[in-house]
Amino acid sequence: MRFPLVAFLILYAASAVCAQTTHPAPGQRVENVSFRGARRVAQETLRALIDTRSGEVYSEATVKRDVAKLRDTRVQVDVTPTGVIVTFLVKEKPATRGQQPLDKSQ
């Protein structure tokens, strides 16, 4: 009976530690903003679409709005001793090869 209780307490403590690393403390600054998965769209273009900026105070609400703007995107937030690293995991739509754009003037 003791083993399940001890295992539960260890897992509970481990989950509490993991939860602390994913939720930045109030007032922590964004150290870096990056994009992963974007191949056809330049990072500068994506950066222009979002409001989260390096050096500013981290805001979960701002990051959520940014995710909504980028569509089909998830976010990874890592807390380090020097700040918060925000990584947007972009999922691009597949390119269509061999199809010509429609010419609406005809």
N, C-alpha and C. Protein backbone atom coordinates (compact mmCIF):
# COMPACT_ATOMS: atom_id res chain seq x y z
N MET A 1 0.82 -1.20 0.00
CA MET A 1 0.00 0.00 0.00
C MET A 1 0.86 1.26 0.00
N ARG A 2 2.06 1.17 0.56
CA ARG A 2 2.91 2.37 0.62
C ARG A 2 3.47 2.75 -0.74
N PHE A 3 3.78 1.74 -1.57
CA PHE A 3 4.40 2.04 -2.86
C PHE A 3 3.51 2.93 -3.73
N PRO A 4 2.21 2.63 -3.90
CA PRO A 4 1.38 3.52 -4.72
C PRO A 4 1.31 4.94 -4.17
N LEU A 5 1.29 5.07 -2.85
CA LEU A 5 1.24 6.40 -2.25
C LEU A 5 2.52 7.17 -2.51
N VAL A 6 3.66 6.50 -2.36
CA VAL A 6 4.96 7.14 -2.60
C VAL A 6 5.08 7.51 -4.08
N ALA A 7 4.67 6.60 -4.97
CA ALA A 7 4.74 6.88 -6.40
C ALA A 7 3.87 8.07 -6.76
N PHE A 8 2.67 8.14 -6.17
CA PHE A 8 1.78 9.27 -6.42
C PHE A 8 2.41 10.58 -5.97
N LEU A 9 3.00 10.59 -4.79
CA LEU A 9 3.62 11.81 -4.27
C LEU A 9 4.79 12.26 -5.14
N ILE A 10 5.57 11.31 -5.63
CA ILE A 10 6.70 11.66 -6.50
C ILE A 10 6.19 12.26 -7.81
N LEU A 11 5.19 11.62 -8.40
CA LEU A 11 4.63 12.15 -9.65
C LEU A 11 3.97 13.51 -9.44
N TYR A 12 3.30 13.69 -8.33
CA TYR A 12 2.66 14.97 -8.03
C TYR A 12 3.71 16.07 -7.88
N ALA A 13 4.78 15.77 -7.17
CA ALA A 13 5.85 16.75 -6.99
C ALA A 13 6.51 17.08 -8.32
N ALA A 14 6.72 16.06 -9.16
CA ALA A 14 7.35 16.28 -10.46
C ALA A 14 6.46 17.15 -11.34
N SER A 15 5.14 16.92 -11.30
CA SER A 15 4.25 17.73 -12.12
C SER A 15 4.22 19.17 -11.64
N ALA A 16 4.36 19.39 -10.36
CA ALA A 16 4.39 20.75 -9.82
C ALA A 16 5.62 21.49 -10.30
N VAL A 17 6.76 20.78 -10.36
CA VAL A 17 8.00 21.40 -10.84
C VAL A 17 7.86 21.74 -12.31
N CYS A 18 7.29 20.82 -13.12
CA CYS A 18 7.10 21.09 -14.54
C CYS A 18 6.16 22.27 -14.75
N ALA A 19 5.12 22.35 -13.96
CA ALA A 19 4.17 23.44 -14.11
C ALA A 19 4.83 24.78 -13.82
N GLN A 20 5.75 24.83 -12.88
CA GLN A 20 6.42 26.08 -12.55
C GLN A 20 7.29 26.56 -13.69
N THR A 21 7.88 25.65 -14.45
CA THR A 21 8.76 26.07 -15.53
C THR A 21 7.99 26.56 -16.75
N THR A 22 6.71 26.22 -16.88
CA THR A 22 5.96 26.65 -18.05
C THR A 22 5.16 27.93 -17.80
N HIS A 23 5.05 28.37 -16.58
CA HIS A 23 4.31 29.59 -16.26
C HIS A 23 5.28 30.64 -15.74
N PRO A 24 5.57 31.63 -16.56
CA PRO A 24 6.49 32.68 -16.12
C PRO A 24 5.93 33.46 -14.94
N ALA A 25 6.82 33.90 -14.11
CA ALA A 25 6.43 34.74 -12.97
C ALA A 25 6.02 36.12 -13.49
N PRO A 26 5.13 36.79 -12.80
CA PRO A 26 4.73 38.13 -13.22
C PRO A 26 5.95 39.06 -13.33
N GLY A 27 5.98 39.81 -14.40
CA GLY A 27 7.07 40.77 -14.59
C GLY A 27 8.28 40.22 -15.33
N GLN A 28 8.30 38.91 -15.63
CA GLN A 28 9.44 38.37 -16.36
C GLN A 28 9.43 38.89 -17.79
N ARG A 29 10.59 39.14 -18.31
CA ARG A 29 10.73 39.69 -19.65
C ARG A 29 10.95 38.59 -20.67
N VAL A 30 10.54 38.86 -21.90
CA VAL A 30 10.75 37.93 -23.01
C VAL A 30 12.19 38.07 -23.45
N GLU A 31 12.91 36.96 -23.40
CA GLU A 31 14.32 36.96 -23.80
C GLU A 31 14.47 36.79 -25.31
N ASN A 32 13.62 35.92 -25.89
CA ASN A 32 13.74 35.62 -27.31
C ASN A 32 12.40 35.17 -27.86
N VAL A 33 12.12 35.56 -29.10
CA VAL A 33 10.94 35.09 -29.82
C VAL A 33 11.43 34.45 -31.11
N SER A 34 11.03 33.18 -31.33
CA SER A 34 11.48 32.50 -32.55
C SER A 34 10.33 31.72 -33.16
N PHE A 35 10.55 31.26 -34.39
CA PHE A 35 9.55 30.51 -35.13
C PHE A 35 10.19 29.22 -35.62
N ARG A 36 9.48 28.11 -35.44
CA ARG A 36 9.96 26.83 -35.92
C ARG A 36 8.92 26.26 -36.88
N GLY A 37 9.38 25.73 -38.00
CA GLY A 37 8.48 25.12 -38.96
C GLY A 37 8.16 25.99 -40.16
N ALA A 38 8.52 27.25 -40.11
CA ALA A 38 8.25 28.16 -41.22
C ALA A 38 9.39 28.07 -42.23
N ARG A 39 9.06 27.61 -43.44
CA ARG A 39 10.09 27.48 -44.47
C ARG A 39 9.89 28.48 -45.60
N ARG A 40 8.64 28.71 -45.97
CA ARG A 40 8.37 29.60 -47.11
C ARG A 40 8.18 31.05 -46.69
N VAL A 41 7.83 31.27 -45.44
CA VAL A 41 7.60 32.64 -44.96
C VAL A 41 8.77 33.06 -44.08
N ALA A 42 9.33 34.20 -44.36
CA ALA A 42 10.49 34.70 -43.61
C ALA A 42 10.10 35.00 -42.16
N GLN A 43 11.04 34.78 -41.26
CA GLN A 43 10.79 35.06 -39.84
C GLN A 43 10.47 36.53 -39.61
N GLU A 44 11.07 37.41 -40.39
CA GLU A 44 10.79 38.84 -40.25
C GLU A 44 9.31 39.14 -40.57
N THR A 45 8.77 38.42 -41.55
CA THR A 45 7.36 38.60 -41.92
C THR A 45 6.46 38.14 -40.78
N LEU A 46 6.76 36.96 -40.22
CA LEU A 46 5.97 36.45 -39.11
C LEU A 46 6.09 37.36 -37.89
N ARG A 47 7.29 37.85 -37.64
CA ARG A 47 7.53 38.73 -36.49
C ARG A 47 6.71 40.03 -36.61
N ALA A 48 6.50 40.49 -37.85
CA ALA A 48 5.72 41.71 -38.07
C ALA A 48 4.24 41.50 -37.76
N LEU A 49 3.78 40.25 -37.81
CA LEU A 49 2.37 39.95 -37.57
C LEU A 49 2.01 39.83 -36.09
N ILE A 50 2.99 39.64 -35.23
CA ILE A 50 2.71 39.39 -33.81
C ILE A 50 3.06 40.60 -32.95
N ASP A 51 2.56 40.58 -31.73
CA ASP A 51 2.80 41.68 -30.79
C ASP A 51 3.84 41.34 -29.72
N THR A 52 4.14 40.05 -29.53
CA THR A 52 5.13 39.65 -28.53
C THR A 52 6.51 40.07 -29.02
N ARG A 53 7.25 40.77 -28.18
CA ARG A 53 8.57 41.28 -28.56
C ARG A 53 9.61 40.94 -27.49
N SER A 54 10.83 40.71 -27.95
CA SER A 54 11.94 40.50 -27.02
C SER A 54 12.15 41.77 -26.21
N GLY A 55 12.43 41.60 -24.92
CA GLY A 55 12.69 42.73 -24.05
C GLY A 55 11.46 43.25 -23.33
N GLU A 56 10.27 42.89 -23.80
CA GLU A 56 9.04 43.34 -23.15
C GLU A 56 8.61 42.34 -22.08
N VAL A 57 7.72 42.78 -21.20
CA VAL A 57 7.20 41.90 -20.16
C VAL A 57 6.31 40.84 -20.81
N TYR A 58 6.50 39.58 -20.40
CA TYR A 58 5.72 38.47 -20.95
C TYR A 58 4.25 38.64 -20.60
N SER A 59 3.39 38.41 -21.60
CA SER A 59 1.94 38.48 -21.40
C SER A 59 1.31 37.26 -22.06
N GLU A 60 0.67 36.42 -21.27
CA GLU A 60 0.01 35.24 -21.81
C GLU A 60 -1.11 35.63 -22.76
N ALA A 61 -1.83 36.69 -22.46
CA ALA A 61 -2.92 37.15 -23.32
C ALA A 61 -2.39 37.57 -24.69
N THR A 62 -1.26 38.26 -24.72
CA THR A 62 -0.66 38.69 -25.99
C THR A 62 -0.23 37.48 -26.80
N VAL A 63 0.37 36.50 -26.15
CA VAL A 63 0.81 35.29 -26.86
C VAL A 63 -0.40 34.55 -27.44
N LYS A 64 -1.48 34.48 -26.70
CA LYS A 64 -2.69 33.82 -27.20
C LYS A 64 -3.24 34.54 -28.43
N ARG A 65 -3.22 35.87 -28.40
CA ARG A 65 -3.68 36.63 -29.57
C ARG A 65 -2.76 36.38 -30.77
N ASP A 66 -1.46 36.30 -30.50
CA ASP A 66 -0.50 36.03 -31.57
C ASP A 66 -0.73 34.66 -32.21
N VAL A 67 -1.01 33.66 -31.39
CA VAL A 67 -1.29 32.32 -31.90
C VAL A 67 -2.53 32.36 -32.79
N ALA A 68 -3.55 33.09 -32.38
CA ALA A 68 -4.77 33.21 -33.19
C ALA A 68 -4.49 33.90 -34.52
N LYS A 69 -3.61 34.89 -34.51
CA LYS A 69 -3.27 35.60 -35.75
C LYS A 69 -2.54 34.70 -36.74
N LEU A 70 -1.66 33.84 -36.22
CA LEU A 70 -0.84 33.02 -37.10
C LEU A 70 -1.56 31.76 -37.60
N ARG A 71 -2.66 31.36 -37.00
CA ARG A 71 -3.45 30.19 -37.41
C ARG A 71 -2.60 28.93 -37.49
N ASP A 72 -3.20 27.81 -37.17
CA ASP A 72 -2.53 26.50 -37.20
C ASP A 72 -1.16 26.55 -36.54
N THR A 73 -1.06 27.28 -35.46
CA THR A 73 0.20 27.46 -34.76
C THR A 73 0.03 27.10 -33.29
N ARG A 74 1.05 26.48 -32.76
CA ARG A 74 1.10 26.22 -31.32
C ARG A 74 2.25 27.06 -30.77
N VAL A 75 2.32 27.14 -29.47
CA VAL A 75 3.38 27.94 -28.85
C VAL A 75 4.05 27.12 -27.76
N GLN A 76 5.34 27.31 -27.65
CA GLN A 76 6.12 26.68 -26.58
C GLN A 76 6.75 27.81 -25.79
N VAL A 77 6.52 27.80 -24.48
CA VAL A 77 7.06 28.84 -23.61
C VAL A 77 8.03 28.18 -22.64
N ASP A 78 9.28 28.62 -22.69
CA ASP A 78 10.31 28.09 -21.79
C ASP A 78 10.79 29.21 -20.88
N VAL A 79 10.83 28.91 -19.60
CA VAL A 79 11.30 29.88 -18.61
C VAL A 79 12.74 29.55 -18.28
N THR A 80 13.60 30.54 -18.39
CA THR A 80 15.01 30.38 -18.04
C THR A 80 15.33 31.39 -16.94
N PRO A 81 16.49 31.26 -16.32
CA PRO A 81 16.85 32.24 -15.29
C PRO A 81 16.97 33.67 -15.83
N THR A 82 17.22 33.80 -17.14
CA THR A 82 17.39 35.13 -17.71
C THR A 82 16.13 35.70 -18.36
N GLY A 83 15.08 34.89 -18.48
CA GLY A 83 13.85 35.39 -19.07
C GLY A 83 13.01 34.28 -19.67
N VAL A 84 12.09 34.68 -20.53
CA VAL A 84 11.15 33.75 -21.15
C VAL A 84 11.48 33.62 -22.63
N ILE A 85 11.54 32.38 -23.10
CA ILE A 85 11.77 32.12 -24.52
C ILE A 85 10.44 31.65 -25.11
N VAL A 86 9.95 32.38 -26.11
CA VAL A 86 8.67 32.05 -26.75
C VAL A 86 8.98 31.53 -28.15
N THR A 87 8.55 30.29 -28.42
CA THR A 87 8.76 29.69 -29.73
C THR A 87 7.40 29.36 -30.33
N PHE A 88 7.13 29.95 -31.49
CA PHE A 88 5.89 29.66 -32.21
C PHE A 88 6.16 28.48 -33.15
N LEU A 89 5.37 27.42 -33.03
CA LEU A 89 5.51 26.23 -33.85
C LEU A 89 4.52 26.35 -35.00
N VAL A 90 5.02 26.79 -36.13
CA VAL A 90 4.19 27.14 -37.28
C VAL A 90 3.96 25.90 -38.15
N LYS A 91 2.73 25.72 -38.58
CA LYS A 91 2.40 24.64 -39.50
C LYS A 91 1.95 25.29 -40.80
N GLU A 92 2.81 25.20 -41.81
CA GLU A 92 2.47 25.80 -43.09
C GLU A 92 1.57 24.87 -43.89
N LYS A 93 0.73 25.46 -44.70
CA LYS A 93 -0.10 24.67 -45.60
C LYS A 93 0.79 24.14 -46.72
N PRO A 94 0.49 22.95 -47.24
CA PRO A 94 1.33 22.40 -48.31
C PRO A 94 1.25 23.26 -49.57
N ALA A 95 2.37 23.33 -50.25
CA ALA A 95 2.43 24.09 -51.49
C ALA A 95 1.73 23.31 -52.59
N THR A 96 1.06 24.03 -53.46
CA THR A 96 0.41 23.39 -54.61
C THR A 96 1.32 23.55 -55.80
N ARG A 97 1.75 22.43 -56.35
CA ARG A 97 2.67 22.49 -57.50
C ARG A 97 1.89 22.26 -58.79
N GLY A 98 2.30 22.95 -59.82
CA GLY A 98 1.71 22.74 -61.14
C GLY A 98 0.38 23.43 -61.35
N GLN A 99 -0.11 24.15 -60.37
CA GLN A 99 -1.37 24.85 -60.54
C GLN A 99 -1.09 26.33 -60.77
N GLN A 100 -1.75 26.87 -61.77
CA GLN A 100 -1.60 28.28 -62.08
C GLN A 100 -2.64 29.08 -61.30
N PRO A 101 -2.30 30.26 -60.83
CA PRO A 101 -3.31 31.08 -60.16
C PRO A 101 -4.40 31.49 -61.13
N LEU A 102 -5.60 31.63 -60.63
CA LEU A 102 -6.72 32.03 -61.47
C LEU A 102 -6.57 33.50 -61.87
N ASP A 103 -6.77 33.75 -63.13
CA ASP A 103 -6.73 35.12 -63.64
C ASP A 103 -8.16 35.62 -63.71
N LYS A 104 -8.54 36.50 -62.81
CA LYS A 104 -9.91 36.97 -62.72
C LYS A 104 -10.25 38.01 -63.78
N SER A 105 -9.27 38.48 -64.52
CA SER A 105 -9.54 39.50 -65.53
C SER A 105 -10.16 38.92 -66.79
N GLN A 106 -10.07 37.60 -66.99
CA GLN A 106 -10.61 36.99 -68.21
C GLN A 106 -12.06 36.65 -68.07
